[in-house]
């Protein structure tokens, strides 16, 4: 009987610790968000580090599948990139003045790919490391938004004109 109680405590205590830390980590963990849009026949990706944690962030890696070439890689001010293989791009700070500090966010981790990436793995860190997944959200290019706005104005204008014609016939 003592063996069963001991086994339950050995399993239950670590599980409770993990559950309590998981709840803490979700609210206080740095994470990455992403957007993409179509440029010509390629896909442009833009990632942002969000840092609600009490730690500065000095490194970020994006890993994606399928393996594709990447070009036109851009860096935020004070950061530099290194494309380590066809599926990984890493960025690092040029000095401690460029850390993403607690409560801050930093955009500008951008690149172009010939294929859609889908969900990507990210890793960020400095004295602590964090990892996760992000599926970049599609954003229509500005020209598409202009066409859509023009069409809705045209359609709205036609409906108003049709109502005015109906009133005149009465």
Protein backbone atom coordinates (compact mmCIF):
# COMPACT_ATOMS: atom_id res chain seq x y z
CA UNK A 1 0.00 0.00 0.00
CA UNK A 2 2.88 2.40 0.74
CA UNK A 3 4.26 1.86 -2.76
CA UNK A 4 0.99 2.99 -4.40
CA UNK A 5 0.79 6.21 -2.35
CA UNK A 6 4.43 6.99 -3.08
CA UNK A 7 3.90 6.46 -6.82
CA UNK A 8 0.87 8.77 -6.85
CA UNK A 9 2.84 11.53 -5.09
CA UNK A 10 5.84 11.11 -7.39
CA UNK A 11 3.60 11.54 -10.44
CA UNK A 12 1.14 14.10 -9.05
CA UNK A 13 3.61 16.63 -7.67
CA UNK A 14 5.49 17.19 -10.97
CA UNK A 15 2.20 17.36 -12.87
CA UNK A 16 0.84 20.04 -10.56
CA UNK A 17 4.07 22.00 -10.88
CA UNK A 18 3.92 21.84 -14.69
CA UNK A 19 0.25 22.88 -14.77
CA UNK A 20 0.86 25.85 -12.47
CA UNK A 21 3.90 26.96 -14.47
CA UNK A 22 2.04 26.53 -17.76
CA UNK A 23 -0.66 28.92 -16.57
CA UNK A 24 1.99 31.44 -15.52
CA UNK A 25 3.99 31.09 -18.72
CA UNK A 26 1.07 31.80 -21.06
CA UNK A 27 0.48 35.25 -19.62
CA UNK A 28 4.12 36.16 -19.14
CA UNK A 29 6.00 34.56 -22.05
CA UNK A 30 7.43 36.32 -25.10
CA UNK A 31 5.90 35.24 -28.40
CA UNK A 32 6.04 35.93 -32.13
CA UNK A 33 3.27 37.13 -34.42
CA UNK A 34 3.36 37.07 -38.21
CA UNK A 35 1.71 38.51 -41.31
CA UNK A 36 2.12 37.78 -45.00
CA UNK A 37 0.98 39.18 -48.31
CA UNK A 38 1.56 38.43 -51.98
CA UNK A 39 4.15 40.47 -53.90
CA UNK A 40 4.12 39.53 -57.57
CA UNK A 41 4.52 35.76 -57.63
CA UNK A 42 6.15 35.52 -54.18
CA UNK A 43 5.08 35.73 -50.54
CA UNK A 44 6.38 38.47 -48.24
CA UNK A 45 6.50 37.60 -44.52
CA UNK A 46 6.78 40.00 -41.57
CA UNK A 47 7.30 38.84 -37.98
CA UNK A 48 7.11 40.76 -34.70
CA UNK A 49 8.44 39.86 -31.25
CA UNK A 50 6.00 40.63 -28.41
CA UNK A 51 7.68 40.62 -25.00
CA UNK A 52 5.44 40.64 -21.90
CA UNK A 53 8.11 38.71 -19.95
CA UNK A 54 10.50 40.17 -17.36
CA UNK A 55 13.49 39.21 -19.59
CA UNK A 56 15.13 40.99 -22.52
CA UNK A 57 15.12 39.23 -25.90
CA UNK A 58 18.35 39.21 -27.96
CA UNK A 59 17.86 36.36 -30.46
CA UNK A 60 15.12 35.08 -32.74
CA UNK A 61 15.01 32.14 -35.16
CA UNK A 62 12.28 31.26 -37.63
CA UNK A 63 12.19 27.68 -38.95
CA UNK A 64 9.72 26.68 -41.61
CA UNK A 65 8.70 23.68 -43.64
CA UNK A 66 8.76 23.11 -46.62
CA UNK A 67 12.35 24.03 -47.35
CA UNK A 68 12.36 27.01 -49.70
CA UNK A 69 14.80 29.70 -50.64
CA UNK A 70 14.40 33.05 -48.93
CA UNK A 71 15.54 36.44 -50.13
CA UNK A 72 15.20 40.14 -49.37
CA UNK A 73 15.74 39.43 -45.67
CA UNK A 74 15.41 42.62 -43.62
CA UNK A 75 16.48 43.38 -40.07
CA UNK A 76 15.11 45.75 -37.44
CA UNK A 77 17.52 48.54 -36.45
CA UNK A 78 20.31 47.15 -34.27
CA UNK A 79 19.75 43.54 -35.38
CA UNK A 80 21.45 41.40 -38.06
CA UNK A 81 20.41 38.14 -39.72
CA UNK A 82 22.07 34.89 -40.62
CA UNK A 83 20.33 32.39 -42.90
CA UNK A 84 21.79 29.21 -41.40
CA UNK A 85 20.21 26.79 -43.86
CA UNK A 86 17.36 26.84 -46.35
CA UNK A 87 14.77 26.50 -43.59
CA UNK A 88 16.17 28.67 -40.79
CA UNK A 89 16.79 32.39 -40.46
CA UNK A 90 18.33 33.72 -37.25
CA UNK A 91 18.49 37.31 -36.04
CA UNK A 92 20.65 38.66 -33.24
CA UNK A 93 21.22 42.04 -31.59
CA UNK A 94 24.25 44.18 -32.35
CA UNK A 95 24.52 45.07 -28.66
CA UNK A 96 22.56 45.24 -25.39
CA UNK A 97 21.02 48.60 -26.35
CA UNK A 98 18.89 46.77 -28.93
CA UNK A 99 17.31 44.07 -26.73
CA UNK A 100 13.52 43.83 -26.88
CA UNK A 101 12.93 44.86 -23.28
CA UNK A 102 10.08 43.72 -21.02
CA UNK A 103 6.79 45.22 -22.20
CA UNK A 104 8.12 46.11 -25.66
CA UNK A 105 7.58 44.69 -29.13
CA UNK A 106 9.78 44.85 -32.21
CA UNK A 107 8.79 44.41 -35.86
CA UNK A 108 11.01 44.23 -38.93
CA UNK A 109 11.94 40.55 -39.13
CA UNK A 110 10.93 40.19 -42.79
CA UNK A 111 11.74 38.03 -45.81
CA UNK A 112 10.35 36.86 -49.13
CA UNK A 113 9.68 33.24 -50.09
CA UNK A 114 8.56 31.68 -53.38
CA UNK A 115 6.06 29.41 -51.61
CA UNK A 116 3.51 29.79 -48.79
CA UNK A 117 5.02 28.69 -45.49
CA UNK A 118 2.01 27.78 -43.38
CA UNK A 119 2.82 27.35 -39.69
CA UNK A 120 6.40 28.11 -38.65
CA UNK A 121 8.43 27.33 -35.54
CA UNK A 122 10.03 30.22 -33.69
CA UNK A 123 12.62 30.40 -30.94
CA UNK A 124 13.55 33.57 -29.04
CA UNK A 125 15.81 34.14 -26.12
CA UNK A 126 18.74 35.61 -24.28
CA UNK A 127 19.22 34.45 -20.69
CA UNK A 128 16.04 32.33 -21.05
CA UNK A 129 14.68 30.77 -24.21
CA UNK A 130 11.11 30.39 -25.44
CA UNK A 131 9.70 28.52 -28.42
CA UNK A 132 6.36 28.16 -30.14
CA UNK A 133 4.42 28.05 -33.39
CA UNK A 134 2.85 30.85 -35.39
CA UNK A 135 0.68 30.78 -38.50
CA UNK A 136 1.12 34.13 -40.25
CA UNK A 137 -2.14 35.89 -41.06
CA UNK A 138 -2.85 36.93 -44.66
CA UNK A 139 -3.09 40.66 -45.31
CA UNK A 140 -4.31 41.82 -48.76
CA UNK A 141 -1.88 44.10 -50.57
CA UNK A 142 -2.85 47.80 -50.65
CA UNK A 143 -3.83 47.70 -54.36
CA UNK A 144 -6.38 44.96 -53.61
CA UNK A 145 -7.87 47.07 -50.81
CA UNK A 146 -8.16 50.06 -53.18
CA UNK A 147 -10.01 47.96 -55.77
CA UNK A 148 -12.35 46.56 -53.10
CA UNK A 149 -13.06 50.04 -51.70
CA UNK A 150 -13.78 51.38 -55.21
CA UNK A 151 -16.15 48.50 -55.95
CA UNK A 152 -18.04 49.01 -52.71
CA UNK A 153 -18.38 52.74 -53.37
CA UNK A 154 -19.61 52.02 -56.89
CA UNK A 155 -22.09 49.39 -55.67
CA UNK A 156 -23.28 51.67 -52.86
CA UNK A 157 -23.72 54.55 -55.30
CA UNK A 158 -25.76 52.36 -57.64
CA UNK A 159 -28.06 51.27 -54.80
CA UNK A 160 -28.64 54.88 -53.70
CA UNK A 161 -29.38 55.93 -57.30
CA UNK A 162 -31.82 53.01 -57.68
CA UNK A 163 -33.69 54.08 -54.51
CA UNK A 164 -33.86 57.70 -55.75
CA UNK A 165 -35.31 56.53 -59.10
CA UNK A 166 -37.95 54.46 -57.29
CA UNK A 167 -39.01 57.48 -55.19
CA UNK A 168 -39.30 59.68 -58.28
CA UNK A 169 -41.60 57.15 -60.00
CA UNK A 170 -44.05 57.20 -57.06
